[in-house]
Amino acid sequence: MIDHIGINCADLDAAKTFYDKVLGVLGHRRVMDFDVAVGYGTDEPDFWISTFEGVGPNRENHIAFTAPDAATVRAFHDAAVSLGAEVLHAPRLWPEYHEHYYGAFVRDPDGNNVEAVCQTANVGD
């Protein structure tokens, strides 16, 4: 059901120091590292920390739900739009993550960034 979870941090460097150490004790490590986001996991990034300009209190959470295919990601997007959800990113391939990452991002009624993702999509899906 859950593909990955992300939280936003006011001080990304402090968060990196914290999660490097505490997740390292549990056998996890940094798997991906970008300027404003770091993904932790054992083999793949399951937990993300990130920041953005103007981040403040009551920061949104990010939750990505697993979808079996690109068509289901599009159906998730369409269902959310039909309920009036704000579209953060329409369904598409995200090659900057990896070549088969197909996701759509919307805002839930409480302002959280909710995603449906298929990690095995092909261009023709």
N, C-alpha and C. Protein backbone atom coordinates (compact mmCIF):
# COMPACT_ATOMS: atom_id res chain seq x y z
N MET A 1 0.82 -1.20 0.00
CA MET A 1 0.00 0.00 0.00
C MET A 1 0.86 1.27 0.00
N ILE A 2 1.79 1.37 0.94
CA ILE A 2 2.64 2.55 1.01
C ILE A 2 3.91 2.30 0.19
N ASP A 3 4.22 3.21 -0.71
CA ASP A 3 5.44 3.12 -1.49
C ASP A 3 6.58 3.85 -0.77
N HIS A 4 6.31 5.09 -0.34
CA HIS A 4 7.28 5.84 0.44
C HIS A 4 6.58 6.99 1.15
N ILE A 5 7.26 7.55 2.15
CA ILE A 5 6.74 8.66 2.94
C ILE A 5 7.80 9.74 3.00
N GLY A 6 7.39 11.00 2.99
CA GLY A 6 8.32 12.10 3.10
C GLY A 6 7.83 13.15 4.07
N ILE A 7 8.79 13.76 4.76
CA ILE A 7 8.46 14.87 5.66
C ILE A 7 9.30 16.07 5.26
N ASN A 8 8.79 17.26 5.55
CA ASN A 8 9.54 18.49 5.30
C ASN A 8 10.19 18.95 6.60
N CYS A 9 11.40 19.47 6.49
CA CYS A 9 12.19 19.85 7.65
C CYS A 9 12.58 21.32 7.55
N ALA A 10 12.51 22.03 8.67
CA ALA A 10 12.91 23.43 8.69
C ALA A 10 14.41 23.58 8.51
N ASP A 11 15.20 22.64 9.06
CA ASP A 11 16.66 22.68 8.96
C ASP A 11 17.12 21.35 8.38
N LEU A 12 17.31 21.32 7.06
CA LEU A 12 17.64 20.07 6.38
C LEU A 12 18.97 19.50 6.86
N ASP A 13 19.97 20.35 7.09
CA ASP A 13 21.26 19.84 7.55
C ASP A 13 21.14 19.15 8.91
N ALA A 14 20.40 19.75 9.82
CA ALA A 14 20.19 19.13 11.14
C ALA A 14 19.42 17.81 10.98
N ALA A 15 18.44 17.80 10.09
CA ALA A 15 17.66 16.58 9.86
C ALA A 15 18.55 15.48 9.27
N LYS A 16 19.43 15.84 8.33
CA LYS A 16 20.35 14.85 7.75
C LYS A 16 21.24 14.24 8.83
N THR A 17 21.80 15.09 9.67
CA THR A 17 22.66 14.60 10.76
C THR A 17 21.88 13.63 11.64
N PHE A 18 20.66 14.00 12.00
CA PHE A 18 19.82 13.17 12.86
C PHE A 18 19.50 11.84 12.19
N TYR A 19 18.95 11.88 10.97
CA TYR A 19 18.52 10.64 10.31
C TYR A 19 19.69 9.78 9.84
N ASP A 20 20.82 10.39 9.47
CA ASP A 20 22.00 9.59 9.14
C ASP A 20 22.35 8.68 10.33
N LYS A 21 22.33 9.25 11.50
CA LYS A 21 22.74 8.50 12.69
C LYS A 21 21.67 7.51 13.15
N VAL A 22 20.44 7.98 13.36
CA VAL A 22 19.43 7.09 13.94
C VAL A 22 19.00 6.00 12.96
N LEU A 23 18.92 6.31 11.67
CA LEU A 23 18.56 5.27 10.72
C LEU A 23 19.73 4.34 10.44
N GLY A 24 20.96 4.86 10.56
CA GLY A 24 22.15 4.02 10.43
C GLY A 24 22.18 2.92 11.48
N VAL A 25 21.76 3.25 12.69
CA VAL A 25 21.69 2.26 13.77
C VAL A 25 20.73 1.13 13.39
N LEU A 26 19.71 1.46 12.63
CA LEU A 26 18.71 0.46 12.23
C LEU A 26 19.09 -0.27 10.95
N GLY A 27 20.25 0.06 10.38
CA GLY A 27 20.72 -0.62 9.18
C GLY A 27 20.32 0.04 7.88
N HIS A 28 19.86 1.30 7.95
CA HIS A 28 19.46 2.04 6.75
C HIS A 28 20.49 3.12 6.46
N ARG A 29 20.42 3.69 5.24
CA ARG A 29 21.41 4.68 4.83
C ARG A 29 20.79 5.63 3.81
N ARG A 30 21.54 6.69 3.49
CA ARG A 30 21.13 7.57 2.40
C ARG A 30 21.24 6.79 1.10
N VAL A 31 20.16 6.77 0.34
CA VAL A 31 20.15 6.07 -0.93
C VAL A 31 20.16 7.06 -2.09
N MET A 32 19.50 8.20 -1.92
CA MET A 32 19.50 9.27 -2.92
C MET A 32 19.69 10.59 -2.19
N ASP A 33 20.41 11.52 -2.82
CA ASP A 33 20.71 12.79 -2.17
C ASP A 33 20.65 13.90 -3.21
N PHE A 34 19.68 14.80 -3.04
CA PHE A 34 19.52 15.97 -3.89
C PHE A 34 19.77 17.22 -3.05
N ASP A 35 19.82 18.37 -3.66
CA ASP A 35 20.05 19.62 -2.92
C ASP A 35 19.01 19.84 -1.82
N VAL A 36 17.76 19.57 -2.11
CA VAL A 36 16.69 19.88 -1.15
C VAL A 36 15.96 18.64 -0.64
N ALA A 37 16.46 17.46 -0.94
CA ALA A 37 15.80 16.23 -0.49
C ALA A 37 16.80 15.08 -0.38
N VAL A 38 16.57 14.22 0.61
CA VAL A 38 17.40 13.05 0.82
C VAL A 38 16.48 11.86 1.04
N GLY A 39 16.76 10.75 0.31
CA GLY A 39 15.98 9.53 0.45
C GLY A 39 16.77 8.49 1.22
N TYR A 40 16.14 7.90 2.23
CA TYR A 40 16.77 6.87 3.06
C TYR A 40 16.09 5.53 2.84
N GLY A 41 16.86 4.48 3.01
CA GLY A 41 16.31 3.14 2.94
C GLY A 41 17.41 2.12 3.10
N THR A 42 17.07 0.88 2.84
CA THR A 42 18.04 -0.19 2.88
C THR A 42 18.61 -0.37 1.48
N ASP A 43 17.74 -0.57 0.51
CA ASP A 43 18.15 -0.71 -0.89
C ASP A 43 17.59 0.40 -1.77
N GLU A 44 16.43 0.92 -1.42
CA GLU A 44 15.78 1.98 -2.19
C GLU A 44 15.22 3.01 -1.22
N PRO A 45 14.96 4.24 -1.69
CA PRO A 45 14.48 5.28 -0.78
C PRO A 45 13.00 5.09 -0.42
N ASP A 46 12.77 4.75 0.83
CA ASP A 46 11.41 4.56 1.34
C ASP A 46 10.96 5.73 2.21
N PHE A 47 11.92 6.46 2.76
CA PHE A 47 11.65 7.59 3.65
C PHE A 47 12.45 8.79 3.17
N TRP A 48 11.76 9.91 2.98
CA TRP A 48 12.39 11.12 2.43
C TRP A 48 12.29 12.27 3.42
N ILE A 49 13.36 13.07 3.48
CA ILE A 49 13.31 14.35 4.17
C ILE A 49 13.61 15.42 3.13
N SER A 50 12.96 16.57 3.26
CA SER A 50 13.18 17.63 2.29
C SER A 50 12.86 18.97 2.92
N THR A 51 13.15 20.02 2.17
CA THR A 51 12.83 21.37 2.59
C THR A 51 12.46 22.19 1.37
N PHE A 52 11.95 23.36 1.58
CA PHE A 52 11.66 24.29 0.49
C PHE A 52 11.69 25.70 1.06
N GLU A 53 11.86 26.67 0.18
CA GLU A 53 11.92 28.06 0.63
C GLU A 53 10.60 28.44 1.28
N GLY A 54 10.67 29.01 2.46
CA GLY A 54 9.47 29.44 3.17
C GLY A 54 8.83 28.35 4.01
N VAL A 55 9.51 27.20 4.16
CA VAL A 55 8.95 26.14 4.99
C VAL A 55 8.72 26.69 6.39
N GLY A 56 7.59 26.38 6.96
CA GLY A 56 7.25 26.89 8.29
C GLY A 56 6.61 25.82 9.14
N PRO A 57 5.94 26.21 10.19
CA PRO A 57 5.27 25.22 11.05
C PRO A 57 4.12 24.55 10.32
N ASN A 58 3.70 23.43 10.83
CA ASN A 58 2.59 22.66 10.24
C ASN A 58 2.87 22.32 8.78
N ARG A 59 4.07 21.83 8.55
CA ARG A 59 4.49 21.47 7.20
C ARG A 59 3.70 20.27 6.71
N GLU A 60 3.44 20.25 5.41
CA GLU A 60 2.72 19.12 4.81
C GLU A 60 3.54 17.84 4.91
N ASN A 61 2.85 16.72 4.90
CA ASN A 61 3.48 15.42 4.77
C ASN A 61 3.33 14.95 3.33
N HIS A 62 4.18 14.01 2.96
CA HIS A 62 4.09 13.40 1.63
C HIS A 62 3.94 11.90 1.81
N ILE A 63 2.89 11.36 1.23
CA ILE A 63 2.65 9.92 1.28
C ILE A 63 2.42 9.44 -0.14
N ALA A 64 3.17 8.41 -0.55
CA ALA A 64 3.02 7.84 -1.88
C ALA A 64 2.44 6.44 -1.77
N PHE A 65 1.34 6.24 -2.46
CA PHE A 65 0.68 4.94 -2.48
C PHE A 65 1.10 4.17 -3.73
N THR A 66 1.29 2.88 -3.57
CA THR A 66 1.71 2.02 -4.68
C THR A 66 0.55 1.78 -5.64
N ALA A 67 0.83 1.92 -6.92
CA ALA A 67 -0.14 1.59 -7.97
C ALA A 67 0.47 0.49 -8.84
N PRO A 68 -0.36 -0.43 -9.34
CA PRO A 68 0.18 -1.54 -10.12
C PRO A 68 0.64 -1.17 -11.52
N ASP A 69 0.11 -0.05 -12.06
CA ASP A 69 0.44 0.33 -13.43
C ASP A 69 0.11 1.81 -13.65
N ALA A 70 0.54 2.32 -14.80
CA ALA A 70 0.33 3.73 -15.12
C ALA A 70 -1.16 4.06 -15.24
N ALA A 71 -1.96 3.15 -15.76
CA ALA A 71 -3.39 3.40 -15.89
C ALA A 71 -4.03 3.65 -14.53
N THR A 72 -3.59 2.94 -13.52
CA THR A 72 -4.13 3.12 -12.18
C THR A 72 -3.68 4.46 -11.60
N VAL A 73 -2.46 4.89 -11.91
CA VAL A 73 -2.01 6.21 -11.48
C VAL A 73 -2.92 7.28 -12.09
N ARG A 74 -3.24 7.12 -13.37
CA ARG A 74 -4.12 8.09 -14.03
C ARG A 74 -5.53 8.04 -13.42
N ALA A 75 -6.01 6.87 -13.07
CA ALA A 75 -7.33 6.74 -12.44
C ALA A 75 -7.34 7.42 -11.07
N PHE A 76 -6.27 7.26 -10.30
CA PHE A 76 -6.12 7.94 -9.01
C PHE A 76 -6.21 9.45 -9.21
N HIS A 77 -5.45 9.96 -10.19
CA HIS A 77 -5.44 11.39 -10.49
C HIS A 77 -6.84 11.86 -10.86
N ASP A 78 -7.51 11.14 -11.75
CA ASP A 78 -8.86 11.52 -12.18
C ASP A 78 -9.85 11.52 -11.02
N ALA A 79 -9.75 10.53 -10.14
CA ALA A 79 -10.64 10.47 -8.97
C ALA A 79 -10.41 11.67 -8.06
N ALA A 80 -9.15 12.01 -7.83
CA ALA A 80 -8.83 13.15 -6.97
C ALA A 80 -9.35 14.46 -7.58
N VAL A 81 -9.13 14.64 -8.88
CA VAL A 81 -9.59 15.84 -9.57
C VAL A 81 -11.11 15.94 -9.50
N SER A 82 -11.79 14.81 -9.64
CA SER A 82 -13.26 14.82 -9.59
C SER A 82 -13.78 15.28 -8.23
N LEU A 83 -12.94 15.16 -7.20
CA LEU A 83 -13.31 15.61 -5.85
C LEU A 83 -12.81 17.03 -5.57
N GLY A 84 -12.22 17.68 -6.57
CA GLY A 84 -11.76 19.05 -6.41
C GLY A 84 -10.35 19.19 -5.87
N ALA A 85 -9.57 18.12 -5.85
CA ALA A 85 -8.20 18.19 -5.32
C ALA A 85 -7.33 19.09 -6.19
N GLU A 86 -6.43 19.81 -5.53
CA GLU A 86 -5.42 20.60 -6.24
C GLU A 86 -4.42 19.63 -6.85
N VAL A 87 -4.13 19.80 -8.13
CA VAL A 87 -3.14 18.97 -8.81
C VAL A 87 -1.77 19.60 -8.61
N LEU A 88 -0.88 18.84 -8.01
CA LEU A 88 0.51 19.31 -7.84
C LEU A 88 1.34 18.93 -9.05
N HIS A 89 1.16 17.70 -9.54
CA HIS A 89 1.84 17.21 -10.75
C HIS A 89 0.94 16.18 -11.42
N ALA A 90 0.57 16.45 -12.66
CA ALA A 90 -0.25 15.52 -13.43
C ALA A 90 0.55 14.22 -13.68
N PRO A 91 -0.14 13.14 -14.00
CA PRO A 91 0.55 11.87 -14.23
C PRO A 91 1.59 11.96 -15.34
N ARG A 92 2.77 11.43 -15.04
CA ARG A 92 3.83 11.40 -16.05
C ARG A 92 4.97 10.52 -15.56
N LEU A 93 5.88 10.19 -16.48
CA LEU A 93 7.12 9.54 -16.10
C LEU A 93 8.03 10.57 -15.43
N TRP A 94 8.78 10.13 -14.44
CA TRP A 94 9.73 10.98 -13.72
C TRP A 94 11.13 10.38 -13.88
N PRO A 95 11.78 10.58 -15.04
CA PRO A 95 13.10 9.97 -15.27
C PRO A 95 14.18 10.46 -14.31
N GLU A 96 13.96 11.63 -13.69
CA GLU A 96 14.94 12.10 -12.73
C GLU A 96 14.98 11.21 -11.48
N TYR A 97 13.91 10.44 -11.24
CA TYR A 97 13.89 9.47 -10.15
C TYR A 97 14.45 8.14 -10.66
N HIS A 98 13.83 7.59 -11.69
CA HIS A 98 14.38 6.48 -12.47
C HIS A 98 13.48 6.27 -13.68
N GLU A 99 13.93 5.51 -14.65
CA GLU A 99 13.26 5.45 -15.96
C GLU A 99 11.85 4.86 -15.93
N HIS A 100 11.47 4.13 -14.90
CA HIS A 100 10.15 3.51 -14.85
C HIS A 100 9.23 4.12 -13.80
N TYR A 101 9.61 5.27 -13.24
CA TYR A 101 8.84 5.92 -12.18
C TYR A 101 7.72 6.75 -12.82
N TYR A 102 6.48 6.34 -12.59
CA TYR A 102 5.32 7.04 -13.15
C TYR A 102 4.44 7.45 -11.99
N GLY A 103 4.25 8.75 -11.80
CA GLY A 103 3.50 9.21 -10.64
C GLY A 103 2.64 10.41 -10.92
N ALA A 104 1.66 10.61 -10.03
CA ALA A 104 0.79 11.78 -10.03
C ALA A 104 0.68 12.25 -8.58
N PHE A 105 0.71 13.58 -8.40
CA PHE A 105 0.71 14.18 -7.07
C PHE A 105 -0.47 15.14 -6.94
N VAL A 106 -1.23 15.01 -5.85
CA VAL A 106 -2.35 15.91 -5.57
C VAL A 106 -2.30 16.32 -4.10
N ARG A 107 -3.08 17.33 -3.77
CA ARG A 107 -3.21 17.76 -2.39
C ARG A 107 -4.50 17.20 -1.81
N ASP A 108 -4.41 16.55 -0.64
CA ASP A 108 -5.61 16.04 0.00
C ASP A 108 -6.36 17.18 0.69
N PRO A 109 -7.56 16.94 1.25
CA PRO A 109 -8.34 18.03 1.86
C PRO A 109 -7.64 18.75 3.00
N ASP A 110 -6.64 18.11 3.62
CA ASP A 110 -5.91 18.75 4.72
C ASP A 110 -4.58 19.36 4.29
N GLY A 111 -4.31 19.38 2.99
CA GLY A 111 -3.12 20.04 2.49
C GLY A 111 -1.90 19.14 2.32
N ASN A 112 -2.05 17.84 2.55
CA ASN A 112 -0.92 16.93 2.39
C ASN A 112 -0.70 16.60 0.92
N ASN A 113 0.55 16.34 0.58
CA ASN A 113 0.95 15.97 -0.77
C ASN A 113 0.80 14.44 -0.89
N VAL A 114 -0.19 14.01 -1.65
CA VAL A 114 -0.50 12.58 -1.79
C VAL A 114 -0.20 12.17 -3.23
N GLU A 115 0.48 11.05 -3.36
CA GLU A 115 0.93 10.57 -4.67
C GLU A 115 0.49 9.14 -4.90
N ALA A 116 0.23 8.81 -6.15
CA ALA A 116 0.13 7.42 -6.59
C ALA A 116 1.31 7.19 -7.51
N VAL A 117 2.02 6.06 -7.32
CA VAL A 117 3.21 5.80 -8.10
C VAL A 117 3.29 4.35 -8.52
N CYS A 118 3.68 4.14 -9.77
CA CYS A 118 4.03 2.83 -10.29
C CYS A 118 5.53 2.89 -10.57
N GLN A 119 6.29 1.97 -9.97
CA GLN A 119 7.74 1.98 -10.11
C GLN A 119 8.21 1.13 -11.30
N THR A 120 7.26 0.54 -12.03
CA THR A 120 7.63 -0.39 -13.12
C THR A 120 6.99 0.01 -14.44
N ALA A 121 6.58 1.26 -14.58
CA ALA A 121 5.88 1.71 -15.79
C ALA A 121 6.83 1.79 -16.99
N ASN A 122 6.27 1.65 -18.16
CA ASN A 122 7.00 1.83 -19.41
C ASN A 122 6.43 3.03 -20.14
N VAL A 123 7.16 3.55 -21.09
CA VAL A 123 6.75 4.76 -21.80
C VAL A 123 5.38 4.58 -22.42
N GLY A 124 5.06 3.43 -22.94
CA GLY A 124 3.79 3.19 -23.61
C GLY A 124 2.61 2.93 -22.68
N ASP A 125 2.85 2.88 -21.39
CA ASP A 125 1.75 2.57 -20.44
C ASP A 125 0.75 3.69 -20.36
